[in-house]
Amino acid sequence: MDFDELYNAYAKDVYRYVFSLCRNRHTAEDITSEAFLSALKSLDKFKGGCNIRVWLCQIAKNAFLNRAKKGKFSAEMPDELPSGENFEIRLLDKAQAFEIHKTLRLLDEPYKEVFSLRIFAELSFAEIGELFQKSESWARVTFHRAKNKIREVIENG
């Protein structure tokens, strides 16, 4: 697969993942571009030991963490959600979406990231498990617990 094919096949997925981390459209675009540039430089090192989407998301996550450590951006509430309305939960209105995002920020890791990967990046449980080097079952259980924690905070809050 050449770089153009790789980019066309996975750019939206990587962007959604990064957007779920930073909640800022411009930052997500920058980090996605940065991730693909890094991937291009190390494409020959990809051995196929994992799903290429997971590999690209891991590169993007590293780029995001590097920016976060340097304080080069601030996470903001989105003015739009990524396209593709196949979310497992329905974000019915802005007030409800805001409550979910506020609650999500309060969650500990890995719940926060697993929930974001599943809902906003639309990764499968198998891909999430692979990203964390855990099982698909671990990803399912962690996601379920995250949903319950969010529901509990919103209902009691």
Protein backbone atom coordinates (compact mmCIF):
# COMPACT_ATOMS: atom_id res chain seq x y z
CA MET A 1 0.00 0.00 0.00
CA ASP A 2 1.46 3.37 -0.96
CA PHE A 3 1.12 6.47 1.19
CA ASP A 4 -1.84 7.97 -0.70
CA GLU A 5 -3.81 4.75 -0.34
CA LEU A 6 -2.92 4.57 3.33
CA TYR A 7 -3.98 8.16 3.94
CA ASN A 8 -7.24 7.84 1.99
CA ALA A 9 -8.13 4.60 3.78
CA TYR A 10 -7.37 5.68 7.37
CA ALA A 11 -7.25 9.48 7.70
CA LYS A 12 -10.87 9.79 8.84
CA ASP A 13 -10.41 7.11 11.50
CA VAL A 14 -7.22 8.68 12.83
CA TYR A 15 -8.83 12.13 12.82
CA ARG A 16 -11.85 10.86 14.79
CA TYR A 17 -9.55 9.24 17.31
CA VAL A 18 -7.45 12.38 17.76
CA PHE A 19 -10.59 14.52 17.92
CA SER A 20 -11.86 12.29 20.73
CA LEU A 21 -8.67 13.06 22.65
CA CYS A 22 -8.38 16.81 22.14
CA ARG A 23 -11.94 17.91 21.24
CA ASN A 24 -10.58 20.60 18.95
CA ARG A 25 -11.07 20.37 15.19
CA HIS A 26 -7.96 22.35 14.20
CA THR A 27 -5.70 20.57 16.66
CA ALA A 28 -7.06 17.20 15.53
CA GLU A 29 -6.31 18.08 11.90
CA ASP A 30 -2.76 19.15 12.78
CA ILE A 31 -2.05 16.06 14.86
CA THR A 32 -3.54 13.79 12.19
CA SER A 33 -1.22 15.33 9.58
CA GLU A 34 1.71 15.02 11.96
CA ALA A 35 0.86 11.37 12.62
CA PHE A 36 0.73 10.52 8.92
CA LEU A 37 4.04 12.29 8.34
CA SER A 38 5.58 10.20 11.11
CA ALA A 39 3.97 7.07 9.66
CA LEU A 40 5.41 7.89 6.24
CA LYS A 41 8.90 8.15 7.75
CA SER A 42 8.57 4.77 9.46
CA LEU A 43 6.29 2.90 7.03
CA ASP A 44 9.09 0.49 6.21
CA LYS A 45 9.27 -0.46 9.92
CA PHE A 46 5.62 -1.57 10.05
CA LYS A 47 5.80 -5.35 10.25
CA GLY A 48 2.08 -6.05 10.18
CA GLY A 49 2.05 -7.40 13.74
CA CYS A 50 -1.10 -5.41 14.47
CA ASN A 51 -3.91 -3.76 12.55
CA ILE A 52 -2.53 -0.81 10.60
CA ARG A 53 -5.34 1.42 11.91
CA VAL A 54 -4.22 0.66 15.46
CA TRP A 55 -0.61 1.41 14.53
CA LEU A 56 -1.61 4.77 13.03
CA CYS A 57 -3.75 5.63 16.06
CA GLN A 58 -0.84 4.80 18.34
CA ILE A 59 1.39 7.18 16.37
CA ALA A 60 -1.33 9.82 16.62
CA LYS A 61 -1.70 9.22 20.35
CA ASN A 62 2.04 9.73 20.81
CA ALA A 63 1.87 12.98 18.81
CA PHE A 64 -1.06 14.11 20.96
CA LEU A 65 0.78 13.27 24.20
CA ASN A 66 3.91 15.08 23.01
CA ARG A 67 1.86 18.21 22.32
CA ALA A 68 0.07 17.91 25.64
CA LYS A 69 3.37 17.65 27.53
CA LYS A 70 4.62 20.78 25.79
CA GLY A 71 1.34 22.59 26.45
CA LYS A 72 0.90 23.40 22.77
CA PHE A 73 -2.90 23.29 22.81
CA SER A 74 -5.87 23.44 25.06
CA ALA A 75 -8.66 20.91 24.93
CA GLU A 76 -11.93 22.62 24.16
CA MET A 77 -15.51 21.55 23.84
CA PRO A 78 -16.20 20.87 20.19
CA ASP A 79 -18.34 23.11 18.07
CA GLU A 80 -19.11 20.03 16.03
CA LEU A 81 -18.83 16.29 16.41
CA PRO A 82 -17.06 14.17 13.84
CA SER A 83 -19.26 13.09 10.97
CA GLY A 84 -20.83 9.68 11.08
CA GLU A 85 -23.80 9.49 13.37
CA ASN A 86 -23.31 5.82 14.28
CA PHE A 87 -22.62 6.60 17.91
CA GLU A 88 -23.60 3.92 20.36
CA ILE A 89 -25.32 6.57 22.43
CA ARG A 90 -27.36 9.42 21.00
CA LEU A 91 -26.17 12.88 21.92
CA LEU A 92 -29.69 14.26 21.85
CA ASP A 93 -29.05 17.93 22.41
CA LYS A 94 -26.20 20.29 23.24
CA ALA A 95 -27.00 20.35 26.96
CA GLN A 96 -26.90 16.56 27.21
CA ALA A 97 -23.73 16.39 25.09
CA PHE A 98 -22.11 18.99 27.32
CA GLU A 99 -23.00 16.98 30.45
CA ILE A 100 -21.52 13.84 28.94
CA HIS A 101 -18.30 15.66 27.99
CA LYS A 102 -18.02 17.26 31.44
CA THR A 103 -18.51 13.87 33.07
CA LEU A 104 -16.08 12.19 30.69
CA ARG A 105 -13.35 14.61 31.75
CA LEU A 106 -13.84 13.45 35.36
CA LEU A 107 -13.31 9.77 34.59
CA ASP A 108 -10.02 8.09 35.34
CA GLU A 109 -8.01 6.31 32.70
CA PRO A 110 -8.50 3.92 30.99
CA TYR A 111 -12.27 4.54 31.18
CA LYS A 112 -12.06 7.99 29.62
CA GLU A 113 -9.96 6.86 26.68
CA VAL A 114 -11.82 3.60 26.05
CA PHE A 115 -15.16 5.44 26.02
CA SER A 116 -13.79 8.08 23.64
CA LEU A 117 -12.26 5.49 21.33
CA ARG A 118 -15.50 3.56 21.13
CA ILE A 119 -17.94 6.46 20.81
CA PHE A 120 -16.03 9.21 19.03
CA ALA A 121 -13.36 7.30 17.12
CA GLU A 122 -15.78 4.43 16.47
CA LEU A 123 -13.12 1.76 17.00
CA SER A 124 -14.17 -1.83 17.53
CA PHE A 125 -13.61 -3.52 20.88
CA ALA A 126 -10.95 -5.68 19.23
CA GLU A 127 -9.08 -2.58 18.03
CA ILE A 128 -9.36 -0.91 21.43
CA GLY A 129 -8.04 -4.04 23.11
CA GLU A 130 -5.18 -4.20 20.66
CA LEU A 131 -4.32 -0.53 21.24
CA PHE A 132 -4.07 -1.16 24.99
CA GLN A 133 -2.41 -4.55 24.47
CA LYS A 134 -5.36 -6.18 26.24
CA SER A 135 -8.15 -8.50 25.16
CA GLU A 136 -11.35 -7.61 23.35
CA SER A 137 -13.24 -8.67 26.48
CA TRP A 138 -11.21 -6.23 28.56
CA ALA A 139 -12.20 -3.43 26.17
CA ARG A 140 -15.88 -4.40 26.39
CA VAL A 141 -15.87 -4.52 30.19
CA THR A 142 -13.94 -1.25 30.50
CA PHE A 143 -16.34 0.48 28.09
CA HIS A 144 -19.37 -0.86 29.97
CA ARG A 145 -17.94 0.38 33.28
CA ALA A 146 -17.22 3.80 31.75
CA LYS A 147 -20.82 4.07 30.52
CA ASN A 148 -22.11 3.12 33.95
CA LYS A 149 -19.87 5.69 35.64
CA ILE A 150 -21.03 8.41 33.26
CA ARG A 151 -24.68 7.46 33.73
CA GLU A 152 -24.27 7.40 37.52
CA VAL A 153 -22.64 10.84 37.67
CA ILE A 154 -25.25 12.40 35.38
CA GLU A 155 -28.19 10.83 37.23
CA ASN A 156 -26.84 11.75 40.67
CA GLY A 157 -25.28 15.04 39.69
